[in-house]
Amino acid sequence: MRTAVFKSYKNGYFTFWFENGEELVFEEVHPRVLKQYDLKNDKSYIDKSFRITFVEDFEDEDEDFVIYRVESLKPL
């Protein structure tokens, strides 16, 4: 788990900033997470810190193409 701040949801992409200054854009969020935290619609989560677990899903045909998926979030 890493610490990250939720910054935005736009056009199907979830943006988080990590403690090391890295920004990651996630295309997918586990449905269980979205059930707990309505990141798409609830603006109160913007700029909130979370402990985040995510996976990198490499496409079989193109190893340079990665989809990042949030697996779990825990508010700090």
PDB file of N, CA and C in Angstrom:
ATOM      1  N   MET A   1       0.843  -1.192   0.000  1.00  0.00           N
ATOM      2  CA  MET A   1       0.000   0.000   0.000  1.00  0.00           C
ATOM      3  C   MET A   1       0.879   1.243   0.000  1.00  0.00           C
ATOM      4  N   ARG A   2       0.414   2.210  -0.747  1.00  0.00           N
ATOM      5  CA  ARG A   2       1.100   3.500  -0.792  1.00  0.00           C
ATOM      6  C   ARG A   2       0.112   4.585  -0.419  1.00  0.00           C
ATOM      7  N   THR A   3       0.638   5.764  -0.116  1.00  0.00           N
ATOM      8  CA  THR A   3      -0.210   6.903   0.215  1.00  0.00           C
ATOM      9  C   THR A   3      -0.358   7.780  -1.012  1.00  0.00           C
ATOM     10  N   ALA A   4      -1.616   8.175  -1.285  1.00  0.00           N
ATOM     11  CA  ALA A   4      -1.878   9.024  -2.447  1.00  0.00           C
ATOM     12  C   ALA A   4      -3.061   9.935  -2.143  1.00  0.00           C
ATOM     13  N   VAL A   5      -3.104  11.051  -2.861  1.00  0.00           N
ATOM     14  CA  VAL A   5      -4.191  12.019  -2.738  1.00  0.00           C
ATOM     15  C   VAL A   5      -5.026  11.949  -4.007  1.00  0.00           C
ATOM     16  N   PHE A   6      -6.336  11.798  -3.835  1.00  0.00           N
ATOM     17  CA  PHE A   6      -7.234  11.778  -4.984  1.00  0.00           C
ATOM     18  C   PHE A   6      -7.382  13.197  -5.508  1.00  0.00           C
ATOM     19  N   LYS A   7      -7.130  13.381  -6.800  1.00  0.00           N
ATOM     20  CA  LYS A   7      -7.172  14.725  -7.376  1.00  0.00           C
ATOM     21  C   LYS A   7      -8.375  14.960  -8.283  1.00  0.00           C
ATOM     22  N   SER A   8      -8.765  13.959  -9.092  1.00  0.00           N
ATOM     23  CA  SER A   8      -9.879  14.221 -10.004  1.00  0.00           C
ATOM     24  C   SER A   8     -10.395  12.951 -10.654  1.00  0.00           C
ATOM     25  N   TYR A   9     -11.610  13.084 -11.181  1.00  0.00           N
ATOM     26  CA  TYR A   9     -12.191  12.087 -12.075  1.00  0.00           C
ATOM     27  C   TYR A   9     -12.687  12.844 -13.302  1.00  0.00           C
ATOM     28  N   LYS A  10     -12.134  12.515 -14.463  1.00  0.00           N
ATOM     29  CA  LYS A  10     -12.538  13.171 -15.712  1.00  0.00           C
ATOM     30  C   LYS A  10     -12.502  12.164 -16.840  1.00  0.00           C
ATOM     31  N   ASN A  11     -13.571  12.139 -17.603  1.00  0.00           N
ATOM     32  CA  ASN A  11     -13.638  11.330 -18.827  1.00  0.00           C
ATOM     33  C   ASN A  11     -13.233   9.874 -18.613  1.00  0.00           C
ATOM     34  N   GLY A  12     -13.619   9.308 -17.460  1.00  0.00           N
ATOM     35  CA  GLY A  12     -13.341   7.902 -17.193  1.00  0.00           C
ATOM     36  C   GLY A  12     -11.994   7.622 -16.564  1.00  0.00           C
ATOM     37  N   TYR A  13     -11.244   8.660 -16.190  1.00  0.00           N
ATOM     38  CA  TYR A  13      -9.916   8.486 -15.616  1.00  0.00           C
ATOM     39  C   TYR A  13      -9.857   9.083 -14.205  1.00  0.00           C
ATOM     40  N   PHE A  14      -9.253   8.322 -13.294  1.00  0.00           N
ATOM     41  CA  PHE A  14      -9.091   8.728 -11.893  1.00  0.00           C
ATOM     42  C   PHE A  14      -7.636   9.112 -11.681  1.00  0.00           C
ATOM     43  N   THR A  15      -7.395  10.327 -11.211  1.00  0.00           N
ATOM     44  CA  THR A  15      -6.032  10.820 -11.027  1.00  0.00           C
ATOM     45  C   THR A  15      -5.695  10.892  -9.540  1.00  0.00           C
ATOM     46  N   PHE A  16      -4.536  10.310  -9.190  1.00  0.00           N
ATOM     47  CA  PHE A  16      -4.014  10.340  -7.827  1.00  0.00           C
ATOM     48  C   PHE A  16      -2.586  10.866  -7.856  1.00  0.00           C
ATOM     49  N   TRP A  17      -2.226  11.641  -6.841  1.00  0.00           N
ATOM     50  CA  TRP A  17      -0.847  12.096  -6.657  1.00  0.00           C
ATOM     51  C   TRP A  17      -0.269  11.346  -5.475  1.00  0.00           C
ATOM     52  N   PHE A  18       0.930  10.816  -5.647  1.00  0.00           N
ATOM     53  CA  PHE A  18       1.584  10.011  -4.626  1.00  0.00           C
ATOM     54  C   PHE A  18       2.576  10.835  -3.812  1.00  0.00           C
ATOM     55  N   GLU A  19       2.968  10.270  -2.659  1.00  0.00           N
ATOM     56  CA  GLU A  19       3.824  10.985  -1.716  1.00  0.00           C
ATOM     57  C   GLU A  19       5.165  11.381  -2.313  1.00  0.00           C
ATOM     58  N   ASN A  20       5.616  10.682  -3.345  1.00  0.00           N
ATOM     59  CA  ASN A  20       6.905  11.000  -3.965  1.00  0.00           C
ATOM     60  C   ASN A  20       6.767  12.014  -5.108  1.00  0.00           C
ATOM     61  N   GLY A  21       5.564  12.592  -5.270  1.00  0.00           N
ATOM     62  CA  GLY A  21       5.334  13.579  -6.316  1.00  0.00           C
ATOM     63  C   GLY A  21       4.872  12.987  -7.634  1.00  0.00           C
ATOM     64  N   GLU A  22       4.806  11.672  -7.698  1.00  0.00           N
ATOM     65  CA  GLU A  22       4.372  10.985  -8.915  1.00  0.00           C
ATOM     66  C   GLU A  22       2.852  11.092  -9.082  1.00  0.00           C
ATOM     67  N   GLU A  23       2.433  11.311 -10.306  1.00  0.00           N
ATOM     68  CA  GLU A  23       1.006  11.335 -10.636  1.00  0.00           C
ATOM     69  C   GLU A  23       0.695  10.085 -11.438  1.00  0.00           C
ATOM     70  N   LEU A  24      -0.355   9.363 -11.032  1.00  0.00           N
ATOM     71  CA  LEU A  24      -0.798   8.196 -11.785  1.00  0.00           C
ATOM     72  C   LEU A  24      -2.261   8.366 -12.152  1.00  0.00           C
ATOM     73  N   VAL A  25      -2.575   7.971 -13.359  1.00  0.00           N
ATOM     74  CA  VAL A  25      -3.951   8.035 -13.848  1.00  0.00           C
ATOM     75  C   VAL A  25      -4.446   6.598 -13.988  1.00  0.00           C
ATOM     76  N   PHE A  26      -5.560   6.316 -13.343  1.00  0.00           N
ATOM     77  CA  PHE A  26      -6.126   4.974 -13.334  1.00  0.00           C
ATOM     78  C   PHE A  26      -7.334   4.921 -14.258  1.00  0.00           C
ATOM     79  N   GLU A  27      -7.357   3.909 -15.105  1.00  0.00           N
ATOM     80  CA  GLU A  27      -8.493   3.711 -16.003  1.00  0.00           C
ATOM     81  C   GLU A  27      -9.581   2.887 -15.335  1.00  0.00           C
ATOM     82  N   GLU A  28      -9.197   2.085 -14.353  1.00  0.00           N
ATOM     83  CA  GLU A  28     -10.145   1.188 -13.717  1.00  0.00           C
ATOM     84  C   GLU A  28     -10.055   1.287 -12.202  1.00  0.00           C
ATOM     85  N   VAL A  29     -11.210   1.138 -11.563  1.00  0.00           N
ATOM     86  CA  VAL A  29     -11.291   1.052 -10.112  1.00  0.00           C
ATOM     87  C   VAL A  29     -12.201  -0.128  -9.804  1.00  0.00           C
ATOM     88  N   HIS A  30     -11.769  -0.980  -8.901  1.00  0.00           N
ATOM     89  CA  HIS A  30     -12.564  -2.152  -8.546  1.00  0.00           C
ATOM     90  C   HIS A  30     -13.970  -1.702  -8.139  1.00  0.00           C
ATOM     91  N   PRO A  31     -15.015  -2.394  -8.614  1.00  0.00           N
ATOM     92  CA  PRO A  31     -16.395  -2.002  -8.288  1.00  0.00           C
ATOM     93  C   PRO A  31     -16.673  -1.914  -6.779  1.00  0.00           C
ATOM     94  N   ARG A  32     -16.028  -2.759  -5.999  1.00  0.00           N
ATOM     95  CA  ARG A  32     -16.189  -2.714  -4.538  1.00  0.00           C
ATOM     96  C   ARG A  32     -15.716  -1.372  -3.983  1.00  0.00           C
ATOM     97  N   VAL A  33     -14.628  -0.864  -4.535  1.00  0.00           N
ATOM     98  CA  VAL A  33     -14.089   0.432  -4.098  1.00  0.00           C
ATOM     99  C   VAL A  33     -15.059   1.553  -4.460  1.00  0.00           C
ATOM    100  N   LEU A  34     -15.583   1.507  -5.686  1.00  0.00           N
ATOM    101  CA  LEU A  34     -16.520   2.555  -6.114  1.00  0.00           C
ATOM    102  C   LEU A  34     -17.824   2.500  -5.327  1.00  0.00           C
ATOM    103  N   LYS A  35     -18.179   1.324  -4.842  1.00  0.00           N
ATOM    104  CA  LYS A  35     -19.380   1.211  -4.004  1.00  0.00           C
ATOM    105  C   LYS A  35     -19.159   1.909  -2.663  1.00  0.00           C
ATOM    106  N   GLN A  36     -17.947   1.801  -2.134  1.00  0.00           N
ATOM    107  CA  GLN A  36     -17.603   2.452  -0.862  1.00  0.00           C
ATOM    108  C   GLN A  36     -17.371   3.946  -1.025  1.00  0.00           C
ATOM    109  N   TYR A  37     -16.674   4.307  -2.091  1.00  0.00           N
ATOM    110  CA  TYR A  37     -16.259   5.693  -2.308  1.00  0.00           C
ATOM    111  C   TYR A  37     -16.703   6.120  -3.710  1.00  0.00           C
ATOM    112  N   ASP A  38     -17.684   6.970  -3.788  1.00  0.00           N
ATOM    113  CA  ASP A  38     -18.213   7.415  -5.079  1.00  0.00           C
ATOM    114  C   ASP A  38     -17.304   8.499  -5.663  1.00  0.00           C
ATOM    115  N   LEU A  39     -16.139   8.068  -6.118  1.00  0.00           N
ATOM    116  CA  LEU A  39     -15.143   9.005  -6.632  1.00  0.00           C
ATOM    117  C   LEU A  39     -15.602   9.723  -7.889  1.00  0.00           C
ATOM    118  N   LYS A  40     -16.542   9.136  -8.596  1.00  0.00           N
ATOM    119  CA  LYS A  40     -17.028   9.748  -9.838  1.00  0.00           C
ATOM    120  C   LYS A  40     -17.881  10.982  -9.571  1.00  0.00           C
ATOM    121  N   ASN A  41     -18.665  10.958  -8.491  1.00  0.00           N
ATOM    122  CA  ASN A  41     -19.655  12.012  -8.276  1.00  0.00           C
ATOM    123  C   ASN A  41     -19.471  12.837  -7.003  1.00  0.00           C
ATOM    124  N   ASP A  42     -18.853  12.270  -5.981  1.00  0.00           N
ATOM    125  CA  ASP A  42     -18.747  12.939  -4.687  1.00  0.00           C
ATOM    126  C   ASP A  42     -17.475  13.791  -4.635  1.00  0.00           C
ATOM    127  N   LYS A  43     -17.635  15.082  -4.802  1.00  0.00           N
ATOM    128  CA  LYS A  43     -16.496  16.012  -4.846  1.00  0.00           C
ATOM    129  C   LYS A  43     -15.772  16.142  -3.499  1.00  0.00           C
ATOM    130  N   SER A  44     -16.382  15.652  -2.422  1.00  0.00           N
ATOM    131  CA  SER A  44     -15.738  15.762  -1.105  1.00  0.00           C
ATOM    132  C   SER A  44     -14.480  14.883  -1.005  1.00  0.00           C
ATOM    133  N   TYR A  45     -14.295  13.937  -1.925  1.00  0.00           N
ATOM    134  CA  TYR A  45     -13.098  13.087  -1.901  1.00  0.00           C
ATOM    135  C   TYR A  45     -11.892  13.751  -2.557  1.00  0.00           C
ATOM    136  N   ILE A  46     -12.112  14.822  -3.292  1.00  0.00           N
ATOM    137  CA  ILE A  46     -11.002  15.520  -3.933  1.00  0.00           C
ATOM    138  C   ILE A  46     -10.079  16.093  -2.855  1.00  0.00           C
ATOM    139  N   ASP A  47      -8.782  15.884  -3.034  1.00  0.00           N
ATOM    140  CA  ASP A  47      -7.714  16.306  -2.119  1.00  0.00           C
ATOM    141  C   ASP A  47      -7.697  15.523  -0.808  1.00  0.00           C
ATOM    142  N   LYS A  48      -8.374  14.382  -0.751  1.00  0.00           N
ATOM    143  CA  LYS A  48      -8.328  13.504   0.419  1.00  0.00           C
ATOM    144  C   LYS A  48      -7.213  12.488   0.232  1.00  0.00           C
ATOM    145  N   SER A  49      -6.548  12.162   1.334  1.00  0.00           N
ATOM    146  CA  SER A  49      -5.467  11.175   1.301  1.00  0.00           C
ATOM    147  C   SER A  49      -6.009   9.777   1.574  1.00  0.00           C
ATOM    148  N   PHE A  50      -5.452   8.823   0.858  1.00  0.00           N
ATOM    149  CA  PHE A  50      -5.839   7.422   0.977  1.00  0.00           C
ATOM    150  C   PHE A  50      -4.602   6.545   0.999  1.00  0.00           C
ATOM    151  N   ARG A  51      -4.747   5.376   1.621  1.00  0.00           N
ATOM    152  CA  ARG A  51      -3.802   4.289   1.407  1.00  0.00           C
ATOM    153  C   ARG A  51      -4.370   3.543   0.209  1.00  0.00           C
ATOM    154  N   ILE A  52      -3.563   3.332  -0.809  1.00  0.00           N
ATOM    155  CA  ILE A  52      -4.047   2.780  -2.062  1.00  0.00           C
ATOM    156  C   ILE A  52      -3.246   1.541  -2.445  1.00  0.00           C
ATOM    157  N   THR A  53      -3.960   0.550  -2.937  1.00  0.00           N
ATOM    158  CA  THR A  53      -3.342  -0.632  -3.529  1.00  0.00           C
ATOM    159  C   THR A  53      -3.810  -0.692  -4.975  1.00  0.00           C
ATOM    160  N   PHE A  54      -2.866  -0.921  -5.881  1.00  0.00           N
ATOM    161  CA  PHE A  54      -3.236  -0.977  -7.289  1.00  0.00           C
ATOM    162  C   PHE A  54      -2.390  -2.013  -8.009  1.00  0.00           C
ATOM    163  N   VAL A  55      -2.850  -2.381  -9.191  1.00  0.00           N
ATOM    164  CA  VAL A  55      -2.116  -3.328 -10.022  1.00  0.00           C
ATOM    165  C   VAL A  55      -1.875  -2.706 -11.385  1.00  0.00           C
ATOM    166  N   GLU A  56      -0.813  -3.179 -12.015  1.00  0.00           N
ATOM    167  CA  GLU A  56      -0.502  -2.803 -13.391  1.00  0.00           C
ATOM    168  C   GLU A  56      -0.898  -3.981 -14.257  1.00  0.00           C
ATOM    169  N   ASP A  57      -1.769  -3.752 -15.213  1.00  0.00           N
ATOM    170  CA  ASP A  57      -2.249  -4.804 -16.095  1.00  0.00           C
ATOM    171  C   ASP A  57      -1.667  -4.563 -17.485  1.00  0.00           C
ATOM    172  N   PHE A  58      -0.703  -5.398 -17.873  1.00  0.00           N
ATOM    173  CA  PHE A  58      -0.063  -5.263 -19.176  1.00  0.00           C
ATOM    174  C   PHE A  58      -0.902  -5.977 -20.231  1.00  0.00           C
ATOM    175  N   GLU A  59      -1.117  -5.311 -21.342  1.00  0.00           N
ATOM    176  CA  GLU A  59      -1.841  -5.918 -22.454  1.00  0.00           C
ATOM    177  C   GLU A  59      -0.942  -6.971 -23.103  1.00  0.00           C
ATOM    178  N   ASP A  60      -1.509  -8.111 -23.418  1.00  0.00           N
ATOM    179  CA  ASP A  60      -0.742  -9.215 -23.998  1.00  0.00           C
ATOM    180  C   ASP A  60      -0.098  -8.854 -25.328  1.00  0.00           C
ATOM    181  N   GLU A  61      -0.819  -8.130 -26.146  1.00  0.00           N
ATOM    182  CA  GLU A  61      -0.328  -7.819 -27.479  1.00  0.00           C
ATOM    183  C   GLU A  61       0.702  -6.694 -27.489  1.00  0.00           C
ATOM    184  N   ASP A  62       0.633  -5.802 -26.527  1.00  0.00           N
ATOM    185  CA  ASP A  62       1.524  -4.640 -26.502  1.00  0.00           C
ATOM    186  C   ASP A  62       2.037  -4.443 -25.082  1.00  0.00           C
ATOM    187  N   GLU A  63       3.229  -4.932 -24.813  1.00  0.00           N
ATOM    188  CA  GLU A  63       3.779  -4.874 -23.461  1.00  0.00           C
ATOM    189  C   GLU A  63       4.085  -3.454 -22.997  1.00  0.00           C
ATOM    190  N   ASP A  64       4.089  -2.503 -23.916  1.00  0.00           N
ATOM    191  CA  ASP A  64       4.320  -1.106 -23.544  1.00  0.00           C
ATOM    192  C   ASP A  64       3.031  -0.437 -23.060  1.00  0.00           C
ATOM    193  N   PHE A  65       1.887  -1.075 -23.274  1.00  0.00           N
ATOM    194  CA  PHE A  65       0.596  -0.514 -22.900  1.00  0.00           C
ATOM    195  C   PHE A  65       0.163  -1.097 -21.566  1.00  0.00           C
ATOM    196  N   VAL A  66       0.006  -0.217 -20.564  1.00  0.00           N
ATOM    197  CA  VAL A  66      -0.333  -0.644 -19.216  1.00  0.00           C
ATOM    198  C   VAL A  66      -1.623   0.034 -18.777  1.00  0.00           C
ATOM    199  N   ILE A  67      -2.497  -0.733 -18.155  1.00  0.00           N
ATOM    200  CA  ILE A  67      -3.694  -0.187 -17.522  1.00  0.00           C
ATOM    201  C   ILE A  67      -3.492  -0.296 -16.024  1.00  0.00           C
ATOM    202  N   TYR A  68      -3.662   0.805 -15.321  1.00  0.00           N
ATOM    203  CA  TYR A  68      -3.562   0.808 -13.864  1.00  0.00           C
ATOM    204  C   TYR A  68      -4.960   0.672 -13.279  1.00  0.00           C
ATOM    205  N   ARG A  69      -5.108  -0.250 -12.315  1.00  0.00           N
ATOM    206  CA  ARG A  69      -6.407  -0.503 -11.695  1.00  0.00           C
ATOM    207  C   ARG A  69      -6.289  -0.408 -10.179  1.00  0.00           C
ATOM    208  N   VAL A  70      -7.138   0.425  -9.565  1.00  0.00           N
ATOM    209  CA  VAL A  70      -7.192   0.546  -8.112  1.00  0.00           C
ATOM    210  C   VAL A  70      -7.888  -0.691  -7.552  1.00  0.00           C
ATOM    211  N   GLU A  71      -7.237  -1.370  -6.621  1.00  0.00           N
ATOM    212  CA  GLU A  71      -7.788  -2.562  -5.993  1.00  0.00           C
ATOM    213  C   GLU A  71      -8.412  -2.258  -4.627  1.00  0.00           C
ATOM    214  N   SER A  72      -7.820  -1.317  -3.895  1.00  0.00           N
ATOM    215  CA  SER A  72      -8.393  -0.950  -2.588  1.00  0.00           C
ATOM    216  C   SER A  72      -7.992   0.457  -2.204  1.00  0.00           C
ATOM    217  N   LEU A  73      -8.864   1.088  -1.405  1.00  0.00           N
ATOM    218  CA  LEU A  73      -8.611   2.417  -0.849  1.00  0.00           C
ATOM    219  C   LEU A  73      -8.998   2.403   0.623  1.00  0.00           C
ATOM    220  N   LYS A  74      -8.182   3.063   1.426  1.00  0.00           N
ATOM    221  CA  LYS A  74      -8.486   3.251   2.838  1.00  0.00           C
ATOM    222  C   LYS A  74      -8.187   4.701   3.184  1.00  0.00           C
ATOM    223  N   PRO A  75      -9.177   5.456   3.642  1.00  0.00           N
ATOM    224  CA  PRO A  75      -8.934   6.862   3.947  1.00  0.00           C
ATOM    225  C   PRO A  75      -7.966   7.024   5.117  1.00  0.00           C
ATOM    226  N   LEU A  76      -7.192   8.084   5.075  1.00  0.00           N
ATOM    227  CA  LEU A  76      -6.259   8.403   6.171  1.00  0.00           C
ATOM    228  C   LEU A  76      -6.868   9.430   7.091  1.00  0.00           C
TER     229      LEU A  76
END
